[in-house]
């Protein structure tokens, strides 16, 4: 298979961090604050989703303030946002679904873009277009660990890597991380919108420290 080198490199980088907090942020200030908390706790990656207008600015400023952080852009649904994410400083980008147009553009421009999949057909389409790092979404709603293992089984010989996201929690993250083909999980339980809005920074820090300890067990 002619896999993208950027995909292979992204999988290797995600394999070193294991847990990637997934954030929807409304201000640069919140972004810098929470990334400082994550960094101090030992979490060296973050995914900032394009679900808010502030996302590009947050990515740009986080990239400057935390140059060693593995910085992802999430919910990248079109070619415009794909280029915007990397122009702002993202190291990789992901989407909830499989959009061939975006995947092809990423491959043409040699950008590390990981599409979302939840069926064998989507896996095969992604592989055909050179993707070896895939986001399994929505993980729990699509069948969880059992479903992911079933999807992985016919493709083990290809060396694919996955990042399950959606319904992954502090209590089930280790079940996903125990699967050899899982490079990392998307930590949607870290930095919840309500906690950020209410300034629950100590709560966020506590969750981040627990996640960092869990990630360390699988490195």
Protein backbone atom coordinates (compact mmCIF):
# COMPACT_ATOMS: atom_id res chain seq x y z
CA UNK A 1 0.00 0.00 0.00
CA UNK A 2 1.23 3.50 -0.85
CA UNK A 3 0.58 5.07 2.53
CA UNK A 4 1.27 8.74 3.19
CA UNK A 5 4.50 9.29 5.11
CA UNK A 6 2.75 12.07 7.02
CA UNK A 7 0.13 9.55 8.18
CA UNK A 8 2.81 7.17 9.38
CA UNK A 9 4.63 9.98 11.19
CA UNK A 10 1.40 11.22 12.79
CA UNK A 11 0.58 7.73 14.04
CA UNK A 12 4.05 7.48 15.58
CA UNK A 13 3.65 10.87 17.27
CA UNK A 14 0.19 10.02 18.63
CA UNK A 15 1.56 6.71 19.90
CA UNK A 16 3.91 8.70 22.10
CA UNK A 17 1.15 10.74 23.76
CA UNK A 18 -1.70 8.18 23.94
CA UNK A 19 -4.38 10.66 25.08
CA UNK A 20 -5.37 13.74 23.07
CA UNK A 21 -7.73 16.16 24.83
CA UNK A 22 -10.45 17.36 22.45
CA UNK A 23 -11.54 20.96 22.95
CA UNK A 24 -14.14 23.41 21.66
CA UNK A 25 -12.86 26.82 22.75
CA UNK A 26 -14.43 30.25 22.56
CA UNK A 27 -11.37 32.37 23.29
CA UNK A 28 -7.61 32.43 22.92
CA UNK A 29 -7.33 33.15 26.64
CA UNK A 30 -9.12 29.91 27.52
CA UNK A 31 -7.01 28.01 25.02
CA UNK A 32 -3.71 29.21 26.45
CA UNK A 33 -4.88 28.62 30.01
CA UNK A 34 -6.01 25.05 29.46
CA UNK A 35 -2.97 24.14 27.36
CA UNK A 36 -0.76 25.38 30.17
CA UNK A 37 -2.65 23.11 32.56
CA UNK A 38 -2.34 20.14 30.21
CA UNK A 39 1.33 20.74 29.59
CA UNK A 40 2.10 21.05 33.30
CA UNK A 41 0.15 17.85 34.00
CA UNK A 42 2.13 15.90 31.41
CA UNK A 43 -0.32 15.88 28.50
CA UNK A 44 1.66 16.95 25.44
CA UNK A 45 -1.06 16.92 22.78
CA UNK A 46 -4.36 18.65 22.16
CA UNK A 47 -7.04 18.76 19.46
CA UNK A 48 -8.75 22.11 18.97
CA UNK A 49 -11.96 21.67 17.02
CA UNK A 50 -13.32 23.93 14.31
CA UNK A 51 -16.65 24.08 16.11
CA UNK A 52 -16.12 27.66 17.20
CA UNK A 53 -15.12 30.87 15.40
CA UNK A 54 -12.18 31.23 17.75
CA UNK A 55 -10.54 27.95 16.65
CA UNK A 56 -8.08 29.38 14.07
CA UNK A 57 -6.85 32.08 16.45
CA UNK A 58 -6.56 29.60 19.31
CA UNK A 59 -4.52 27.20 17.16
CA UNK A 60 -2.27 30.03 15.99
CA UNK A 61 -1.52 31.28 19.51
CA UNK A 62 -1.16 27.82 21.07
CA UNK A 63 1.32 26.89 18.32
CA UNK A 64 3.41 29.93 19.27
CA UNK A 65 3.17 29.47 23.04
CA UNK A 66 3.63 25.68 23.09
CA UNK A 67 5.86 24.80 20.12
CA UNK A 68 6.59 21.30 21.47
CA UNK A 69 2.91 20.39 21.84
CA UNK A 70 1.44 17.98 19.29
CA UNK A 71 -1.28 20.29 18.03
CA UNK A 72 -4.26 18.92 16.17
CA UNK A 73 -7.20 20.61 14.46
CA UNK A 74 -10.52 18.79 14.76
CA UNK A 75 -13.83 18.84 12.90
CA UNK A 76 -12.07 19.79 9.66
CA UNK A 77 -14.91 19.33 7.19
CA UNK A 78 -13.73 21.08 4.04
CA UNK A 79 -10.67 22.05 2.03
CA UNK A 80 -10.76 25.65 3.21
CA UNK A 81 -10.54 24.68 6.87
CA UNK A 82 -7.92 22.05 6.06
CA UNK A 83 -5.54 24.68 4.73
CA UNK A 84 -6.49 27.18 7.43
CA UNK A 85 -5.67 24.67 10.17
CA UNK A 86 -2.16 24.04 8.88
CA UNK A 87 -1.56 27.70 8.04
CA UNK A 88 -2.32 28.46 11.69
CA UNK A 89 0.20 25.91 12.91
CA UNK A 90 -1.61 22.59 13.37
CA UNK A 91 0.58 19.48 13.21
CA UNK A 92 -2.29 17.27 12.09
CA UNK A 93 -6.01 17.47 11.39
CA UNK A 94 -8.92 15.09 11.82
CA UNK A 95 -12.58 14.89 10.86
CA UNK A 96 -15.59 13.00 12.22
CA UNK A 97 -16.32 11.48 8.82
CA UNK A 98 -14.76 10.39 5.54
CA UNK A 99 -14.76 13.11 2.88
CA UNK A 100 -12.79 11.96 -0.22
CA UNK A 101 -12.36 15.55 -1.43
CA UNK A 102 -10.59 16.62 1.74
CA UNK A 103 -8.52 13.43 1.90
CA UNK A 104 -7.34 13.87 -1.70
CA UNK A 105 -6.42 17.51 -1.12
CA UNK A 106 -4.47 16.59 2.00
CA UNK A 107 -2.57 13.92 0.09
CA UNK A 108 -1.90 16.32 -2.81
CA UNK A 109 -0.46 18.89 -0.40
CA UNK A 110 1.25 16.33 1.85
CA UNK A 111 -0.76 17.28 4.94
CA UNK A 112 -1.38 14.94 7.88
CA UNK A 113 -5.15 14.56 7.75
CA UNK A 114 -6.92 11.62 9.44
CA UNK A 115 -10.51 11.02 8.33
CA UNK A 116 -13.19 9.50 10.51
CA UNK A 117 -14.44 5.98 9.87
CA UNK A 118 -16.89 3.58 11.50
CA UNK A 119 -17.40 0.92 8.81
CA UNK A 120 -15.16 -1.46 6.83
CA UNK A 121 -16.19 0.26 3.59
CA UNK A 122 -14.87 3.58 4.87
CA UNK A 123 -11.65 1.93 6.00
CA UNK A 124 -11.09 0.55 2.51
CA UNK A 125 -11.83 3.88 0.84
CA UNK A 126 -9.39 5.61 3.18
CA UNK A 127 -6.70 3.01 2.55
CA UNK A 128 -7.18 3.39 -1.20
CA UNK A 129 -6.40 7.10 -0.81
CA UNK A 130 -3.25 6.48 1.23
CA UNK A 131 -4.55 6.83 4.80
CA UNK A 132 -3.03 4.59 7.45
CA UNK A 133 -4.07 6.66 10.51
CA UNK A 134 -7.84 6.77 11.04
CA UNK A 135 -10.22 8.26 13.57
CA UNK A 136 -12.85 5.78 14.81
CA UNK A 137 -15.92 7.93 15.43
CA UNK A 138 -18.34 7.96 17.17
CA UNK A 139 -16.53 5.24 19.10
CA UNK A 140 -19.01 4.21 21.79
CA UNK A 141 -22.15 4.85 19.76
CA UNK A 142 -20.71 2.81 16.88
CA UNK A 143 -20.14 -0.25 19.06
CA UNK A 144 -17.18 0.61 21.23
CA UNK A 145 -14.18 -1.63 21.79
CA UNK A 146 -15.93 -4.72 20.42
CA UNK A 147 -16.80 -2.98 17.17
CA UNK A 148 -13.34 -1.48 16.75
CA UNK A 149 -11.69 -4.87 17.24
CA UNK A 150 -14.02 -6.34 14.63
CA UNK A 151 -13.17 -3.58 12.16
CA UNK A 152 -9.44 -3.99 12.78
CA UNK A 153 -9.40 -7.77 12.33
CA UNK A 154 -9.49 -8.03 8.49
CA UNK A 155 -6.93 -5.23 8.09
CA UNK A 156 -4.29 -6.15 10.67
CA UNK A 157 -1.80 -7.03 7.94
CA UNK A 158 -1.95 -3.44 6.64
CA UNK A 159 -0.53 -1.89 9.80
CA UNK A 160 -3.34 0.64 10.24
CA UNK A 161 -3.55 2.78 13.37
CA UNK A 162 -6.68 4.24 14.97
CA UNK A 163 -7.71 7.06 17.28
CA UNK A 164 -11.13 6.25 18.80
CA UNK A 165 -13.05 9.36 19.82
CA UNK A 166 -16.60 9.99 20.98
CA UNK A 167 -17.81 8.46 24.22
CA UNK A 168 -14.29 7.60 25.36
CA UNK A 169 -14.03 8.36 29.08
CA UNK A 170 -11.62 8.14 31.98
CA UNK A 171 -13.18 4.79 32.87
CA UNK A 172 -13.05 3.10 29.45
CA UNK A 173 -9.98 4.74 27.88
CA UNK A 174 -7.71 1.92 29.00
CA UNK A 175 -9.90 -0.62 27.20
CA UNK A 176 -9.24 1.20 23.94
CA UNK A 177 -5.56 1.82 24.68
CA UNK A 178 -5.10 -1.90 25.32
CA UNK A 179 -5.76 -2.55 21.62
CA UNK A 180 -2.35 -2.67 19.86
CA UNK A 181 -3.65 -0.86 16.77
CA UNK A 182 -4.86 2.13 18.81
CA UNK A 183 -2.25 4.88 18.70
CA UNK A 184 -4.19 7.24 20.97
CA UNK A 185 -7.69 8.10 22.15
CA UNK A 186 -9.53 11.38 21.80
CA UNK A 187 -10.15 12.73 25.29
CA UNK A 188 -13.48 14.48 25.03
CA UNK A 189 -13.88 14.11 28.81
CA UNK A 190 -10.98 16.52 29.35
CA UNK A 191 -11.67 20.25 29.30
CA UNK A 192 -15.44 20.08 28.99
CA UNK A 193 -17.12 23.26 27.76
CA UNK A 194 -19.08 23.77 30.98
CA UNK A 195 -15.98 23.39 33.14
CA UNK A 196 -14.09 25.92 31.01
CA UNK A 197 -17.01 28.36 31.02
CA UNK A 198 -17.29 28.09 34.81
CA UNK A 199 -13.57 28.45 35.37
CA UNK A 200 -13.26 25.02 36.98
CA UNK A 201 -9.51 25.01 36.40
CA UNK A 202 -8.67 22.85 39.42
CA UNK A 203 -11.18 20.24 38.26
CA UNK A 204 -9.65 20.30 34.79
CA UNK A 205 -6.15 20.00 36.26
CA UNK A 206 -7.14 17.00 38.37
CA UNK A 207 -8.63 15.23 35.34
CA UNK A 208 -5.53 16.07 33.28
CA UNK A 209 -3.16 14.63 35.88
CA UNK A 210 -5.20 11.42 36.05
CA UNK A 211 -5.19 11.16 32.25
CA UNK A 212 -1.43 11.74 32.08
CA UNK A 213 -0.88 8.95 34.61
CA UNK A 214 -3.08 6.61 32.55
CA UNK A 215 -1.29 7.51 29.32
CA UNK A 216 2.07 6.80 30.91
CA UNK A 217 1.00 3.20 31.58
CA UNK A 218 0.67 2.56 27.85
CA UNK A 219 3.79 4.34 26.56
